[in-house]
């Protein structure tokens, strides 16, 4: 079974940095787009950043210039480097990927990792 496992969340002071990682495991033949979403308390889940198989990236306006999404294809992993963190960044962050495994292309989600920005 394909799984996305996230790690790297935690508590950080405003202005600090944090690096999230997401590793895909299981029977995987190919991975297309990967992305990070987040959901803050009382808010809808929002798209934070995406990266295509070709390396093209897109960011939400709220994180542009502060966050960087990257991909390690050999390890089927995606990362989110978060700098200049603000309290507004506090949320559960979810990894998402479109994966070809034993089934036709489908989307998969990680379990989520909590990021708290406070002091």
Protein backbone atom coordinates (compact mmCIF):
# COMPACT_ATOMS: atom_id res chain seq x y z
CA UNK A 1 0.00 0.00 0.00
CA UNK A 2 1.29 3.43 -0.90
CA UNK A 3 1.93 5.64 2.09
CA UNK A 4 3.10 9.20 2.60
CA UNK A 5 4.87 9.76 5.90
CA UNK A 6 5.49 13.30 7.07
CA UNK A 7 7.94 14.54 9.65
CA UNK A 8 9.67 17.70 10.80
CA UNK A 9 6.84 19.54 12.47
CA UNK A 10 7.15 21.10 15.88
CA UNK A 11 7.26 24.31 17.85
CA UNK A 12 9.29 27.23 16.56
CA UNK A 13 9.59 30.90 17.49
CA UNK A 14 8.41 33.60 15.10
CA UNK A 15 11.10 34.30 12.56
CA UNK A 16 12.50 30.83 12.91
CA UNK A 17 12.82 28.06 10.37
CA UNK A 18 11.56 24.55 10.01
CA UNK A 19 12.00 21.87 7.38
CA UNK A 20 9.22 19.39 6.67
CA UNK A 21 9.78 16.15 4.85
CA UNK A 22 7.44 13.66 3.23
CA UNK A 23 8.56 10.24 2.07
CA UNK A 24 6.51 8.00 -0.19
CA UNK A 25 6.76 4.26 0.23
CA UNK A 26 5.13 1.17 -1.19
CA UNK A 27 4.78 -0.08 -4.74
CA UNK A 28 5.40 3.09 -6.73
CA UNK A 29 6.03 3.26 -10.44
CA UNK A 30 5.89 6.99 -10.87
CA UNK A 31 5.04 10.16 -9.00
CA UNK A 32 3.62 13.18 -10.75
CA UNK A 33 2.81 16.36 -8.86
CA UNK A 34 3.56 16.68 -5.17
CA UNK A 35 2.29 19.37 -2.87
CA UNK A 36 1.98 20.68 0.64
CA UNK A 37 -1.33 21.76 2.11
CA UNK A 38 -2.12 23.13 5.53
CA UNK A 39 -5.15 23.55 7.71
CA UNK A 40 -5.22 26.05 10.54
CA UNK A 41 -7.71 25.83 13.41
CA UNK A 42 -11.14 26.92 12.22
CA UNK A 43 -9.93 27.38 8.66
CA UNK A 44 -10.30 25.50 5.41
CA UNK A 45 -7.47 23.42 4.09
CA UNK A 46 -5.35 25.50 1.73
CA UNK A 47 -2.72 24.76 -0.84
CA UNK A 48 0.71 25.97 0.25
CA UNK A 49 3.06 24.86 -2.51
CA UNK A 50 3.26 22.48 -5.43
CA UNK A 51 6.05 20.96 -7.45
CA UNK A 52 5.68 19.05 -10.70
CA UNK A 53 7.71 16.10 -11.91
CA UNK A 54 9.59 18.58 -14.05
CA UNK A 55 10.47 20.74 -11.08
CA UNK A 56 8.11 23.64 -11.68
CA UNK A 57 6.90 25.21 -8.45
CA UNK A 58 4.01 27.35 -7.32
CA UNK A 59 3.34 28.99 -3.98
CA UNK A 60 0.47 30.54 -2.15
CA UNK A 61 0.84 34.29 -1.90
CA UNK A 62 0.98 34.06 1.87
CA UNK A 63 4.18 32.01 1.82
CA UNK A 64 5.88 33.19 -1.34
CA UNK A 65 9.43 34.26 -0.65
CA UNK A 66 9.52 32.46 2.69
CA UNK A 67 8.84 28.82 1.84
CA UNK A 68 10.64 26.60 -0.64
CA UNK A 69 9.35 23.28 -1.91
CA UNK A 70 11.85 20.79 -3.26
CA UNK A 71 11.85 17.21 -4.39
CA UNK A 72 14.16 14.24 -4.17
CA UNK A 73 12.94 11.89 -6.86
CA UNK A 74 15.40 9.12 -6.06
CA UNK A 75 14.00 8.88 -2.57
CA UNK A 76 10.41 9.68 -3.52
CA UNK A 77 10.45 12.53 -1.08
CA UNK A 78 9.28 16.10 -1.03
CA UNK A 79 10.42 18.81 1.35
CA UNK A 80 9.17 22.15 2.52
CA UNK A 81 11.74 24.58 3.86
CA UNK A 82 9.93 27.20 5.90
CA UNK A 83 11.77 30.39 6.82
CA UNK A 84 10.69 33.59 8.55
CA UNK A 85 7.83 31.74 10.15
CA UNK A 86 4.87 33.69 11.45
CA UNK A 87 2.18 32.76 13.96
CA UNK A 88 -0.23 32.69 11.03
CA UNK A 89 1.70 29.71 9.67
CA UNK A 90 0.52 27.59 12.57
CA UNK A 91 -1.39 24.66 11.11
CA UNK A 92 -1.35 20.98 10.41
CA UNK A 93 0.66 20.48 7.24
CA UNK A 94 -0.25 17.68 4.85
CA UNK A 95 1.77 16.15 2.08
CA UNK A 96 -0.06 15.27 -1.13
CA UNK A 97 1.09 13.36 -4.18
CA UNK A 98 -0.32 11.98 -7.40
CA UNK A 99 1.12 8.48 -7.68
CA UNK A 100 1.02 5.61 -10.13
CA UNK A 101 1.22 2.37 -8.19
CA UNK A 102 -0.58 -0.91 -8.60
CA UNK A 103 -3.68 1.13 -9.35
CA UNK A 104 -4.19 3.86 -11.96
CA UNK A 105 -3.02 7.34 -11.10
CA UNK A 106 -4.53 8.47 -7.85
CA UNK A 107 -3.92 11.01 -5.13
CA UNK A 108 -2.52 10.22 -1.70
CA UNK A 109 -2.28 12.16 1.53
CA UNK A 110 0.08 12.08 4.45
CA UNK A 111 -1.11 11.90 8.03
CA UNK A 112 -0.26 15.52 8.73
CA UNK A 113 2.35 17.12 10.93
CA UNK A 114 1.71 19.93 13.38
CA UNK A 115 3.59 23.19 12.98
CA UNK A 116 3.22 25.72 15.78
CA UNK A 117 4.79 29.17 15.57
CA UNK A 118 4.65 30.93 18.91
CA UNK A 119 6.73 32.53 21.62
